[in-house]
Amino acid sequence: MKFPQAPLMTLMIPAAVLLGAPMAFAGWDEPNNAVLRECTVLASQFDQAQSEHKADKNYKDAVALSNEGKSLCSSSSMQSAGVAHLRSAMKLIGVKPTM
């Protein structure tokens, strides 16, 4: 049995529309985007504050929590846990998150 062949352009246009569809929603702020943004801001705040708190007794624990939080933030399903870890790390060294 021989199938009819569709011209290449008739296949490319729907494919381009389907592949381009996510770009149409790129500006839409999904909840995960907000959590990812919070991860980024908190990680940056911790990195800026950690050099001033190296003598703190909880410094090593805070760095470990921060590293774990950054790792969780890079996972698409564990970003909220990453935010919690980063907030805890900042609390251990006495820094109040601004977000």
N, C-alpha and C. Protein backbone atom coordinates (compact mmCIF):
# COMPACT_ATOMS: atom_id res chain seq x y z
N MET A 1 0.84 -1.16 0.00
CA MET A 1 0.00 0.00 0.00
C MET A 1 0.89 1.23 0.00
N LYS A 2 0.58 2.16 -0.84
CA LYS A 2 1.37 3.36 -0.97
C LYS A 2 0.59 4.53 -0.40
N PHE A 3 1.25 5.28 0.50
CA PHE A 3 0.62 6.45 1.11
C PHE A 3 0.89 7.68 0.25
N PRO A 4 -0.09 8.58 0.19
CA PRO A 4 0.15 9.80 -0.56
C PRO A 4 1.18 10.66 0.17
N GLN A 5 2.04 11.28 -0.59
CA GLN A 5 3.06 12.12 0.02
C GLN A 5 2.59 13.56 0.04
N ALA A 6 2.69 14.17 1.21
CA ALA A 6 2.33 15.57 1.35
C ALA A 6 3.56 16.41 1.03
N PRO A 7 3.34 17.54 0.39
CA PRO A 7 4.48 18.42 0.13
C PRO A 7 5.14 18.83 1.44
N LEU A 8 6.43 19.02 1.39
CA LEU A 8 7.21 19.32 2.58
C LEU A 8 6.71 20.57 3.31
N MET A 9 6.30 21.59 2.59
CA MET A 9 5.84 22.83 3.21
C MET A 9 4.57 22.62 4.02
N THR A 10 3.71 21.72 3.61
CA THR A 10 2.48 21.50 4.37
C THR A 10 2.77 20.81 5.70
N LEU A 11 3.89 20.15 5.80
CA LEU A 11 4.28 19.54 7.07
C LEU A 11 5.08 20.52 7.94
N MET A 12 5.84 21.38 7.31
CA MET A 12 6.70 22.30 8.05
C MET A 12 5.91 23.41 8.74
N ILE A 13 4.87 23.90 8.11
CA ILE A 13 4.12 25.01 8.69
C ILE A 13 3.44 24.60 9.99
N PRO A 14 2.69 23.48 10.03
CA PRO A 14 2.10 23.09 11.32
C PRO A 14 3.16 22.77 12.38
N ALA A 15 4.27 22.21 11.96
CA ALA A 15 5.34 21.91 12.92
C ALA A 15 5.91 23.20 13.49
N ALA A 16 6.09 24.20 12.65
CA ALA A 16 6.61 25.48 13.12
C ALA A 16 5.63 26.15 14.07
N VAL A 17 4.36 26.04 13.77
CA VAL A 17 3.35 26.62 14.65
C VAL A 17 3.37 25.92 16.01
N LEU A 18 3.47 24.60 16.00
CA LEU A 18 3.50 23.86 17.26
C LEU A 18 4.77 24.14 18.05
N LEU A 19 5.89 24.21 17.37
CA LEU A 19 7.15 24.47 18.06
C LEU A 19 7.24 25.92 18.54
N GLY A 20 6.62 26.82 17.83
CA GLY A 20 6.65 28.22 18.21
C GLY A 20 5.62 28.58 19.26
N ALA A 21 4.67 27.71 19.52
CA ALA A 21 3.61 28.00 20.47
C ALA A 21 4.14 28.31 21.87
N PRO A 22 5.12 27.56 22.38
CA PRO A 22 5.63 27.92 23.71
C PRO A 22 6.23 29.33 23.76
N MET A 23 6.74 29.80 22.66
CA MET A 23 7.31 31.14 22.64
C MET A 23 6.22 32.20 22.82
N ALA A 24 5.03 31.90 22.40
CA ALA A 24 3.93 32.85 22.54
C ALA A 24 3.59 33.08 24.01
N PHE A 25 3.86 32.08 24.84
CA PHE A 25 3.55 32.18 26.26
C PHE A 25 4.78 32.48 27.10
N ALA A 26 5.90 32.85 26.47
CA ALA A 26 7.14 33.06 27.20
C ALA A 26 7.04 34.19 28.21
N GLY A 27 6.24 35.19 27.94
CA GLY A 27 6.10 36.30 28.87
C GLY A 27 5.14 36.03 30.01
N TRP A 28 4.39 34.98 29.93
CA TRP A 28 3.43 34.62 30.97
C TRP A 28 4.18 34.11 32.19
N ASP A 29 3.91 34.66 33.34
CA ASP A 29 4.65 34.33 34.55
C ASP A 29 3.97 33.17 35.27
N GLU A 30 4.46 31.99 35.03
CA GLU A 30 3.92 30.81 35.69
C GLU A 30 4.39 30.79 37.14
N PRO A 31 3.71 30.06 38.00
CA PRO A 31 4.16 29.96 39.39
C PRO A 31 5.60 29.47 39.51
N ASN A 32 6.01 28.54 38.66
CA ASN A 32 7.38 28.04 38.73
C ASN A 32 8.39 29.13 38.39
N ASN A 33 8.02 30.06 37.51
CA ASN A 33 8.93 31.15 37.19
C ASN A 33 9.15 32.02 38.41
N ALA A 34 8.11 32.26 39.19
CA ALA A 34 8.24 33.07 40.40
C ALA A 34 9.13 32.37 41.42
N VAL A 35 8.98 31.07 41.56
CA VAL A 35 9.81 30.31 42.50
C VAL A 35 11.26 30.30 42.02
N LEU A 36 11.45 30.13 40.73
CA LEU A 36 12.81 30.14 40.18
C LEU A 36 13.46 31.49 40.40
N ARG A 37 12.70 32.56 40.22
CA ARG A 37 13.23 33.90 40.44
C ARG A 37 13.61 34.07 41.91
N GLU A 38 12.78 33.55 42.81
CA GLU A 38 13.08 33.63 44.24
C GLU A 38 14.35 32.85 44.56
N CYS A 39 14.51 31.69 43.95
CA CYS A 39 15.73 30.90 44.13
C CYS A 39 16.96 31.72 43.73
N THR A 40 16.87 32.36 42.59
CA THR A 40 18.00 33.12 42.07
C THR A 40 18.34 34.29 42.99
N VAL A 41 17.33 35.01 43.43
CA VAL A 41 17.55 36.17 44.29
C VAL A 41 18.12 35.74 45.64
N LEU A 42 17.56 34.71 46.24
CA LEU A 42 18.04 34.25 47.54
C LEU A 42 19.46 33.71 47.46
N ALA A 43 19.76 32.97 46.41
CA ALA A 43 21.12 32.45 46.24
C ALA A 43 22.12 33.60 46.11
N SER A 44 21.76 34.60 45.37
CA SER A 44 22.63 35.77 45.20
C SER A 44 22.81 36.51 46.53
N GLN A 45 21.74 36.67 47.28
CA GLN A 45 21.82 37.34 48.57
C GLN A 45 22.72 36.57 49.54
N PHE A 46 22.59 35.24 49.52
CA PHE A 46 23.43 34.44 50.41
C PHE A 46 24.89 34.57 50.00
N ASP A 47 25.15 34.49 48.71
CA ASP A 47 26.53 34.59 48.23
C ASP A 47 27.17 35.93 48.62
N GLN A 48 26.39 36.99 48.56
CA GLN A 48 26.91 38.31 48.94
C GLN A 48 27.15 38.41 50.44
N ALA A 49 26.31 37.78 51.24
CA ALA A 49 26.41 37.91 52.68
C ALA A 49 27.38 36.93 53.32
N GLN A 50 27.68 35.85 52.68
CA GLN A 50 28.46 34.80 53.34
C GLN A 50 29.87 35.22 53.70
N SER A 51 30.48 36.08 52.90
CA SER A 51 31.86 36.47 53.20
C SER A 51 31.97 37.26 54.51
N GLU A 52 30.91 37.94 54.89
CA GLU A 52 30.91 38.72 56.12
C GLU A 52 30.64 37.86 57.35
N HIS A 53 30.24 36.61 57.14
CA HIS A 53 29.82 35.77 58.27
C HIS A 53 30.66 34.50 58.40
N LYS A 54 31.88 34.51 57.88
CA LYS A 54 32.72 33.31 57.93
C LYS A 54 33.09 32.91 59.35
N ALA A 55 33.08 33.84 60.26
CA ALA A 55 33.44 33.55 61.65
C ALA A 55 32.26 33.04 62.47
N ASP A 56 31.06 33.10 61.92
CA ASP A 56 29.88 32.64 62.66
C ASP A 56 29.98 31.15 62.96
N LYS A 57 29.41 30.76 64.11
CA LYS A 57 29.50 29.35 64.50
C LYS A 57 28.69 28.44 63.57
N ASN A 58 27.65 28.96 62.94
CA ASN A 58 26.80 28.16 62.05
C ASN A 58 27.18 28.30 60.57
N TYR A 59 28.31 28.91 60.31
CA TYR A 59 28.69 29.21 58.93
C TYR A 59 28.74 27.96 58.04
N LYS A 60 29.40 26.91 58.51
CA LYS A 60 29.55 25.69 57.69
C LYS A 60 28.19 25.05 57.42
N ASP A 61 27.33 25.03 58.42
CA ASP A 61 25.98 24.48 58.23
C ASP A 61 25.19 25.32 57.24
N ALA A 62 25.36 26.64 57.32
CA ALA A 62 24.65 27.54 56.41
C ALA A 62 25.12 27.33 54.97
N VAL A 63 26.42 27.17 54.79
CA VAL A 63 26.95 26.95 53.43
C VAL A 63 26.44 25.62 52.89
N ALA A 64 26.41 24.60 53.74
CA ALA A 64 25.89 23.29 53.29
C ALA A 64 24.42 23.40 52.89
N LEU A 65 23.63 24.11 53.71
CA LEU A 65 22.21 24.30 53.38
C LEU A 65 22.05 25.10 52.09
N SER A 66 22.88 26.11 51.93
CA SER A 66 22.82 26.92 50.72
C SER A 66 23.14 26.10 49.48
N ASN A 67 24.18 25.29 49.57
CA ASN A 67 24.56 24.45 48.42
C ASN A 67 23.45 23.46 48.08
N GLU A 68 22.84 22.89 49.11
CA GLU A 68 21.72 21.97 48.88
C GLU A 68 20.54 22.72 48.26
N GLY A 69 20.28 23.92 48.76
CA GLY A 69 19.20 24.73 48.22
C GLY A 69 19.42 25.08 46.76
N LYS A 70 20.65 25.46 46.43
CA LYS A 70 20.96 25.78 45.03
C LYS A 70 20.79 24.56 44.14
N SER A 71 21.18 23.41 44.66
CA SER A 71 21.01 22.17 43.90
C SER A 71 19.53 21.87 43.69
N LEU A 72 18.73 22.03 44.72
CA LEU A 72 17.28 21.79 44.59
C LEU A 72 16.63 22.81 43.66
N CYS A 73 17.12 24.02 43.67
CA CYS A 73 16.57 25.06 42.79
C CYS A 73 16.79 24.72 41.32
N SER A 74 17.85 24.00 41.03
CA SER A 74 18.11 23.65 39.63
C SER A 74 17.24 22.48 39.17
N SER A 75 16.56 21.82 40.10
CA SER A 75 15.63 20.76 39.76
C SER A 75 14.26 21.38 39.51
N SER A 76 13.60 20.95 38.45
CA SER A 76 12.32 21.57 38.10
C SER A 76 11.21 21.24 39.10
N SER A 77 11.34 20.15 39.83
CA SER A 77 10.25 19.75 40.72
C SER A 77 10.52 20.06 42.20
N MET A 78 11.72 20.53 42.52
CA MET A 78 12.08 20.74 43.92
C MET A 78 12.47 22.18 44.24
N GLN A 79 12.03 23.12 43.42
CA GLN A 79 12.45 24.50 43.60
C GLN A 79 11.93 25.10 44.91
N SER A 80 10.74 24.74 45.33
CA SER A 80 10.19 25.26 46.59
C SER A 80 11.04 24.79 47.77
N ALA A 81 11.49 23.56 47.72
CA ALA A 81 12.36 23.06 48.77
C ALA A 81 13.69 23.80 48.75
N GLY A 82 14.16 24.15 47.56
CA GLY A 82 15.40 24.93 47.44
C GLY A 82 15.26 26.29 48.08
N VAL A 83 14.11 26.93 47.89
CA VAL A 83 13.85 28.23 48.51
C VAL A 83 13.87 28.08 50.03
N ALA A 84 13.25 27.04 50.54
CA ALA A 84 13.22 26.81 51.99
C ALA A 84 14.64 26.61 52.54
N HIS A 85 15.46 25.86 51.83
CA HIS A 85 16.84 25.64 52.26
C HIS A 85 17.64 26.94 52.25
N LEU A 86 17.47 27.73 51.20
CA LEU A 86 18.20 29.00 51.12
C LEU A 86 17.77 29.95 52.24
N ARG A 87 16.47 30.00 52.52
CA ARG A 87 16.00 30.85 53.62
C ARG A 87 16.56 30.39 54.96
N SER A 88 16.62 29.08 55.16
CA SER A 88 17.18 28.53 56.40
C SER A 88 18.66 28.85 56.52
N ALA A 89 19.37 28.76 55.42
CA ALA A 89 20.80 29.06 55.42
C ALA A 89 21.04 30.51 55.81
N MET A 90 20.23 31.39 55.27
CA MET A 90 20.38 32.81 55.60
C MET A 90 20.05 33.08 57.06
N LYS A 91 19.06 32.37 57.57
CA LYS A 91 18.67 32.55 58.97
C LYS A 91 19.79 32.08 59.90
N LEU A 92 20.49 31.01 59.51
CA LEU A 92 21.59 30.50 60.34
C LEU A 92 22.70 31.52 60.53
N ILE A 93 22.95 32.34 59.51
CA ILE A 93 24.02 33.34 59.65
C ILE A 93 23.47 34.71 60.04
N GLY A 94 22.18 34.77 60.32
CA GLY A 94 21.59 36.00 60.80
C GLY A 94 21.28 37.04 59.75
N VAL A 95 21.04 36.61 58.52
CA VAL A 95 20.72 37.52 57.43
C VAL A 95 19.24 37.38 57.11
N LYS A 96 18.56 38.51 57.02
CA LYS A 96 17.14 38.50 56.68
C LYS A 96 16.99 38.63 55.17
N PRO A 97 16.34 37.66 54.52
CA PRO A 97 16.13 37.75 53.07
C PRO A 97 15.27 38.96 52.72
N THR A 98 15.59 39.62 51.63
CA THR A 98 14.80 40.79 51.23
C THR A 98 13.71 40.43 50.26
N MET A 99 13.49 39.18 50.00
CA MET A 99 12.41 38.77 49.10
C MET A 99 11.40 37.96 49.84
